[in-house]
Protein backbone atom coordinates (compact mmCIF):
# COMPACT_ATOMS: atom_id res chain seq x y z
CA MET A 1 30.46 12.32 6.32
CA ASN A 2 31.50 10.10 3.40
CA PHE A 3 35.25 10.54 3.22
CA ILE A 4 38.32 9.74 5.30
CA PRO A 5 40.29 12.95 5.93
CA ASN A 6 44.05 13.22 5.53
CA LEU A 7 45.97 14.73 8.48
CA ASP A 8 49.59 15.45 9.37
CA PRO A 9 50.58 14.79 13.03
CA MET A 10 53.61 17.03 12.58
CA ASP A 11 51.12 19.91 12.69
CA TYR A 12 50.62 19.11 16.37
CA LEU A 13 54.35 19.74 16.91
CA SER A 14 54.26 23.02 14.99
CA PRO A 15 55.43 26.17 16.81
CA ASP A 16 52.53 27.96 15.15
CA PRO A 17 49.62 27.78 17.64
CA PHE A 18 47.06 28.13 14.83
CA VAL A 19 48.46 25.11 12.97
CA LYS A 20 48.54 23.07 16.17
CA SER A 21 45.02 24.00 17.26
CA LYS A 22 43.65 23.27 13.79
CA PHE A 23 45.14 19.78 13.88
CA ILE A 24 43.63 19.15 17.32
CA LYS A 25 40.20 20.24 16.10
CA ASP A 26 40.42 18.34 12.80
CA LEU A 27 41.51 15.09 14.49
CA GLY A 28 38.94 15.40 17.28
CA ASP A 29 36.11 16.24 14.91
CA THR A 30 37.07 13.34 12.66
CA PHE A 31 37.14 10.91 15.57
CA SER A 32 33.79 12.31 16.76
CA ASN A 33 32.14 11.84 13.37
CA ILE A 34 33.52 8.78 11.59
CA GLY A 35 36.30 7.55 13.88
CA PHE A 36 38.81 7.06 11.05
CA ALA A 37 41.52 9.20 9.42
CA CYS A 38 44.67 8.89 7.32
CA VAL A 39 47.92 10.41 8.59
CA LYS A 40 51.32 11.04 7.07
CA ASN A 41 54.73 11.89 8.52
CA HIS A 42 54.84 9.07 11.03
CA PHE A 43 57.94 7.94 12.91
CA THR A 44 58.57 4.58 11.27
CA PRO A 45 61.12 4.53 8.40
CA GLU A 46 59.55 3.39 5.15
CA ASP A 47 62.42 1.01 4.40
CA GLU A 48 61.90 -0.71 7.76
CA ILE A 49 58.20 -1.12 7.03
CA LYS A 50 59.00 -2.72 3.68
CA LYS A 51 61.60 -5.02 5.27
CA PHE A 52 59.15 -6.21 7.88
CA TYR A 53 56.43 -6.79 5.31
CA ASN A 54 58.90 -8.98 3.43
CA SER A 55 59.71 -10.89 6.62
CA VAL A 56 56.00 -11.28 7.42
CA GLU A 57 55.33 -12.70 3.97
CA ALA A 58 58.26 -15.10 4.36
CA PHE A 59 56.95 -16.28 7.74
CA PHE A 60 53.45 -17.02 6.56
CA LYS A 61 54.85 -18.96 3.60
CA LEU A 62 56.49 -21.40 6.02
CA PRO A 63 54.93 -24.89 6.21
CA LEU A 64 52.04 -25.11 8.66
CA GLU A 65 53.98 -27.50 10.90
CA ASN A 66 56.68 -24.84 11.33
CA LYS A 67 54.19 -22.08 12.13
CA ALA A 68 52.28 -24.34 14.53
CA ASN A 69 55.40 -24.56 16.71
CA TYR A 70 54.88 -20.89 17.54
CA GLU A 71 51.24 -21.16 18.64
CA ILE A 72 51.50 -20.89 22.42
CA SER A 73 48.55 -22.13 24.46
CA GLY A 74 47.28 -20.07 27.37
CA LEU A 75 48.22 -16.66 25.94
CA GLY A 76 44.95 -15.90 24.17
CA GLY A 77 46.81 -15.20 20.95
CA GLN A 78 48.59 -12.22 22.56
CA ARG A 79 52.03 -13.48 21.57
CA GLY A 80 53.27 -15.57 18.68
CA TYR A 81 51.22 -17.33 16.04
CA THR A 82 47.43 -17.78 15.85
CA SER A 83 46.31 -20.27 13.25
CA PHE A 84 43.73 -19.82 10.50
CA GLY A 85 40.10 -19.71 11.63
CA ARG A 86 40.75 -19.20 15.36
CA GLU A 87 39.37 -15.67 15.70
CA HIS A 88 35.87 -14.42 14.96
CA ALA A 89 34.15 -11.07 15.35
CA LYS A 90 32.15 -10.29 18.49
CA GLY A 91 28.63 -11.66 18.04
CA SER A 92 29.60 -13.93 15.15
CA ASP A 93 30.33 -17.66 15.16
CA THR A 94 31.90 -17.59 11.67
CA PRO A 95 35.71 -17.57 11.83
CA ASP A 96 37.57 -14.87 9.93
CA LEU A 97 39.63 -15.98 6.93
CA LYS A 98 43.01 -15.11 8.42
CA GLU A 99 46.02 -16.20 10.45
CA PHE A 100 48.21 -13.79 12.38
CA TRP A 101 51.26 -13.13 14.54
CA GLN A 102 51.35 -10.82 17.58
CA ILE A 103 54.21 -8.92 19.20
CA GLY A 104 53.78 -7.30 22.61
CA GLN A 105 55.51 -4.88 24.94
CA GLU A 106 59.14 -5.46 25.89
CA ILE A 107 60.07 -3.66 29.10
CA GLN A 108 63.71 -3.07 29.94
CA GLY A 109 65.33 -1.84 33.12
CA GLU A 110 62.68 -2.97 35.59
CA TYR A 111 61.12 -6.20 36.77
CA VAL A 112 57.73 -7.19 35.44
CA SER A 113 55.96 -10.50 35.81
CA LYS A 114 55.84 -12.92 32.90
CA GLU A 115 52.10 -13.29 33.48
CA ARG A 116 51.56 -9.56 32.96
CA TYR A 117 53.98 -9.18 30.05
CA PRO A 118 54.61 -12.56 28.38
CA TYR A 119 57.85 -12.88 26.47
CA ASN A 120 57.70 -12.33 22.75
CA VAL A 121 58.13 -15.50 20.72
CA GLN A 122 61.35 -15.62 18.70
CA VAL A 123 61.18 -16.70 15.05
CA SER A 124 64.21 -18.86 14.30
CA GLU A 125 63.69 -19.26 10.54
CA ILE A 126 63.80 -15.49 9.89
CA PRO A 127 66.63 -13.99 11.97
CA ASP A 128 65.63 -10.31 11.61
CA PHE A 129 61.90 -10.86 12.19
CA ASN A 130 61.79 -9.86 15.86
CA ARG A 131 64.27 -6.99 15.56
CA GLN A 132 62.30 -5.52 12.67
CA SER A 133 59.01 -5.93 14.50
CA MET A 134 60.25 -3.91 17.48
CA ILE A 135 61.41 -1.07 15.22
CA LEU A 136 57.84 -0.78 13.96
CA TYR A 137 56.47 -1.23 17.48
CA ARG A 138 58.46 1.70 18.87
CA GLY A 139 57.63 3.92 15.89
CA PHE A 140 53.93 3.22 16.30
CA GLU A 141 54.17 3.97 20.02
CA LYS A 142 55.67 7.38 19.28
CA SER A 143 53.04 8.21 16.66
CA GLY A 144 50.26 7.02 18.96
CA SER A 145 51.54 9.13 21.82
CA ILE A 146 51.35 12.31 19.72
CA LEU A 147 47.84 11.46 18.51
CA LEU A 148 46.66 10.87 22.07
CA LYS A 149 48.16 14.19 23.19
CA ALA A 150 46.05 15.89 20.55
CA ILE A 151 42.97 13.92 21.60
CA ALA A 152 43.53 14.85 25.26
CA SER A 153 43.72 18.52 24.24
CA TYR A 154 40.54 18.16 22.18
CA LEU A 155 38.75 16.74 25.23
CA GLY A 156 39.90 19.63 27.42
CA LEU A 157 42.34 17.47 29.37
CA ASP A 158 46.01 18.06 30.05
CA GLU A 159 47.85 17.03 26.88
CA ASN A 160 49.82 14.45 28.87
CA TYR A 161 46.70 12.82 30.33
CA PHE A 162 47.29 9.51 28.55
CA GLU A 163 51.07 9.36 29.03
CA PRO A 164 51.18 7.47 32.37
CA PHE A 165 48.63 4.99 31.01
CA ILE A 166 50.38 4.18 27.73
CA LYS A 167 53.93 4.04 29.13
CA ASN A 168 54.71 0.30 29.14
CA GLY A 169 51.17 -0.29 27.95
CA ASN A 170 49.88 -3.61 26.64
CA SER A 171 49.99 -2.55 22.99
CA ILE A 172 50.07 -5.21 20.30
CA LEU A 173 51.67 -5.21 16.86
CA ARG A 174 49.79 -7.72 14.72
CA ALA A 175 50.96 -9.11 11.39
CA ILE A 176 47.99 -10.58 9.50
CA HIS A 177 47.86 -12.93 6.53
CA TYR A 178 44.62 -13.38 4.62
CA PRO A 179 45.40 -16.46 2.47
CA PRO A 180 44.13 -17.05 -1.05
CA ILE A 181 40.50 -18.16 -1.18
CA THR A 182 40.39 -21.69 -2.54
CA GLN A 183 36.69 -22.50 -2.27
CA GLU A 184 33.35 -20.75 -1.97
CA PRO A 185 33.57 -18.98 1.43
CA LYS A 186 29.80 -19.02 2.05
CA ASN A 187 29.23 -16.40 4.77
CA ALA A 188 32.87 -15.91 5.75
CA ILE A 189 34.90 -12.86 4.81
CA ARG A 190 38.50 -12.03 5.55
CA ALA A 191 37.53 -10.03 8.65
CA GLU A 192 33.89 -9.77 9.68
CA ALA A 193 32.40 -6.44 10.74
CA HIS A 194 33.86 -5.47 14.12
CA GLU A 195 35.20 -2.70 16.31
CA ASP A 196 38.69 -2.65 17.79
CA ILE A 197 39.18 -3.20 21.51
CA ASN A 198 41.97 -0.73 22.30
CA LEU A 199 42.40 3.07 22.59
CA ILE A 200 43.49 3.76 19.00
CA THR A 201 44.67 1.62 16.10
CA LEU A 202 47.35 2.53 13.58
CA LEU A 203 47.52 0.54 10.34
CA VAL A 204 50.34 0.83 7.85
CA GLY A 205 50.44 -0.24 4.22
CA ALA A 206 48.06 -3.16 3.73
CA SER A 207 49.19 -5.10 0.65
CA ALA A 208 45.78 -5.10 -1.05
CA GLU A 209 42.42 -3.39 -0.96
CA GLY A 210 39.57 -4.66 1.18
CA LEU A 211 39.25 -2.45 4.28
CA GLU A 212 35.81 -0.86 4.56
CA VAL A 213 34.27 1.47 7.17
CA LYS A 214 30.57 1.66 8.01
CA THR A 215 29.25 5.20 7.87
CA ALA A 216 26.61 6.66 10.17
CA GLU A 217 24.14 6.20 7.32
CA GLY A 218 24.85 2.46 7.24
CA ASN A 219 26.85 2.46 4.02
CA TRP A 220 30.21 0.73 3.57
CA LEU A 221 33.04 3.04 2.51
CA ALA A 222 36.31 1.67 1.08
CA VAL A 223 39.44 2.98 2.84
CA ASN A 224 42.48 3.24 0.60
CA ALA A 225 45.26 5.23 2.26
CA PRO A 226 47.72 7.11 0.04
CA GLU A 227 51.22 5.67 -0.20
CA ASN A 228 53.35 6.16 2.93
CA HIS A 229 50.32 6.96 5.10
CA PHE A 230 48.79 5.30 8.15
CA VAL A 231 45.11 4.64 8.69
CA ILE A 232 44.13 5.44 12.28
CA ASN A 233 40.89 4.76 14.13
CA VAL A 234 39.25 4.93 17.54
CA GLY A 235 38.96 1.73 19.58
CA ASP A 236 36.27 0.72 22.05
CA MET A 237 38.35 1.69 25.10
CA LEU A 238 38.55 5.31 23.94
CA GLN A 239 34.88 5.34 22.95
CA ARG A 240 34.02 3.98 26.38
CA LEU A 241 36.25 6.48 28.20
CA THR A 242 34.68 9.39 26.30
CA ASN A 243 31.09 8.14 26.80
CA ASN A 244 30.62 7.75 23.01
CA ARG A 245 31.88 11.24 22.20
CA LEU A 246 34.61 9.64 20.08
CA LYS A 247 33.40 6.88 17.77
CA SER A 248 34.74 3.34 17.57
CA THR A 249 33.50 2.72 14.05
CA THR A 250 32.51 -0.67 12.68
CA HIS A 251 34.85 -1.87 9.92
CA ARG A 252 35.63 -5.05 8.00
CA VAL A 253 37.94 -6.59 5.43
CA VAL A 254 35.95 -7.91 2.48
CA ASN A 255 36.94 -10.69 0.11
CA PRO A 256 38.52 -9.65 -3.20
CA PRO A 257 36.73 -10.10 -6.52
CA ARG A 258 36.65 -13.75 -7.64
CA GLU A 259 39.41 -13.13 -10.21
CA LYS A 260 41.73 -12.18 -7.31
CA TRP A 261 40.86 -15.06 -4.99
CA HIS A 262 44.29 -16.57 -5.70
CA THR A 263 46.05 -13.60 -4.05
CA SER A 264 47.07 -13.13 -0.42
CA ARG A 265 46.55 -9.97 1.60
CA TYR A 266 48.91 -8.82 4.36
CA SER A 267 48.39 -6.03 6.88
CA ILE A 268 50.17 -4.78 10.00
CA PRO A 269 47.96 -2.95 12.51
CA PHE A 270 49.20 -1.61 15.84
CA PHE A 271 46.63 -1.79 18.63
CA LEU A 272 47.59 0.86 21.19
CA HIS A 273 46.55 -0.38 24.63
CA PRO A 274 47.05 1.22 28.03
CA VAL A 275 48.33 -0.54 31.12
CA SER A 276 45.85 -2.99 32.62
CA GLU A 277 45.21 -0.76 35.65
CA MET A 278 43.82 2.15 33.63
CA ASP A 279 40.31 3.04 34.79
CA LEU A 280 37.94 3.28 31.80
CA THR A 281 35.18 4.97 33.80
CA CYS A 282 33.54 7.59 31.56
CA LEU A 283 35.18 11.00 31.89
CA PRO A 284 32.91 13.39 33.82
CA SER A 285 33.48 16.06 31.17
CA CYS A 286 31.94 13.74 28.57
CA ILE A 287 28.70 13.20 30.53
CA GLU A 288 26.00 15.80 30.00
CA ASP A 289 24.43 17.36 33.07
CA GLY A 290 21.55 15.25 34.30
CA SER A 291 22.60 12.25 32.20
CA SER A 292 24.03 8.91 33.23
CA PRO A 293 27.17 7.39 31.68
CA HIS A 294 26.60 4.83 28.94
CA TYR A 295 29.06 2.37 30.47
CA ALA A 296 29.76 0.85 33.88
CA PRO A 297 33.24 1.32 35.38
CA ILE A 298 35.83 -1.27 34.37
CA SER A 299 39.62 -1.50 34.15
CA ALA A 300 41.39 -1.81 30.82
CA GLY A 301 42.72 -5.25 31.79
CA ASP A 302 39.32 -6.63 32.69
CA TYR A 303 37.79 -5.18 29.56
CA LEU A 304 40.49 -6.72 27.37
CA THR A 305 39.90 -10.15 28.90
CA GLU A 306 36.15 -9.78 28.43
CA ARG A 307 36.59 -8.99 24.75
CA LEU A 308 39.16 -11.74 24.10
CA VAL A 309 36.56 -14.21 25.37
CA GLU A 310 33.95 -12.72 23.04
CA ILE A 311 36.15 -13.13 19.94
CA GLY A 312 37.15 -16.69 20.76
CA LEU A 313 40.81 -16.24 21.73
CA VAL A 314 40.32 -16.89 25.46
CA LYS A 315 38.06 -19.56 26.92
CA LYS A 316 35.73 -18.70 29.78
């Protein structure tokens, strides 16, 4: 399968059962084969996306000493700023050529511990930064919820199977800056080949080309979403839960051609995570009779910690 299909989540909300069932099958088959798709008609206003991209660009243009004030130790990069060269792909010692900012869940109306849900870091230089980020965060949550309903239906589960796990989940909105390349990068690329940790990822409007997906044949396929579309993909938690039925596909962000080394690249992915208590034990319906599951039982929280250690954001 050498293409990324284009889907419309509004088809899942259609009163026409044929349209709805076709979307469920198309999304499930896509996630079973290549693990990536493009979707339109999301729930995040385009003008808000553009505003936040402008704010993200303004933040990363701040002097390093300003940005460094927002790098909070002990949080494993889960809130605030993470400086250039801190993160690397699992199994690689070469740091990615990026810096990033992360926004997490904000729960209102009930008590939660600061250790479980650290406060988001407030950017003083750009007054609308945090407000804009939460508009995107909530829109991504809504889109992700619909996609997971369709996936649950595809797997033969109740469509609301994921709802109690993603309500107040540990999802992360990440704003990434890949700075201009100023010297020969040797083996480093903007983001080395990796798989995402979470259930599903939603990516909106990267400012430049570079995202590539590895096909089952071992070829690298460029992913260029049409304007006003999201790119979505399966994360390792969903692959693990479905015993490899749904594919968490290897992907990377390659360096631009030398004549474009002077340019920056910005992207804003949303990593949809469940609550830490979710059990990622392989679903019985995804284990063939007489076979053993591919993965040992583990909670989402423990798995996240394990992976953050592997990519260098948390020390053992």
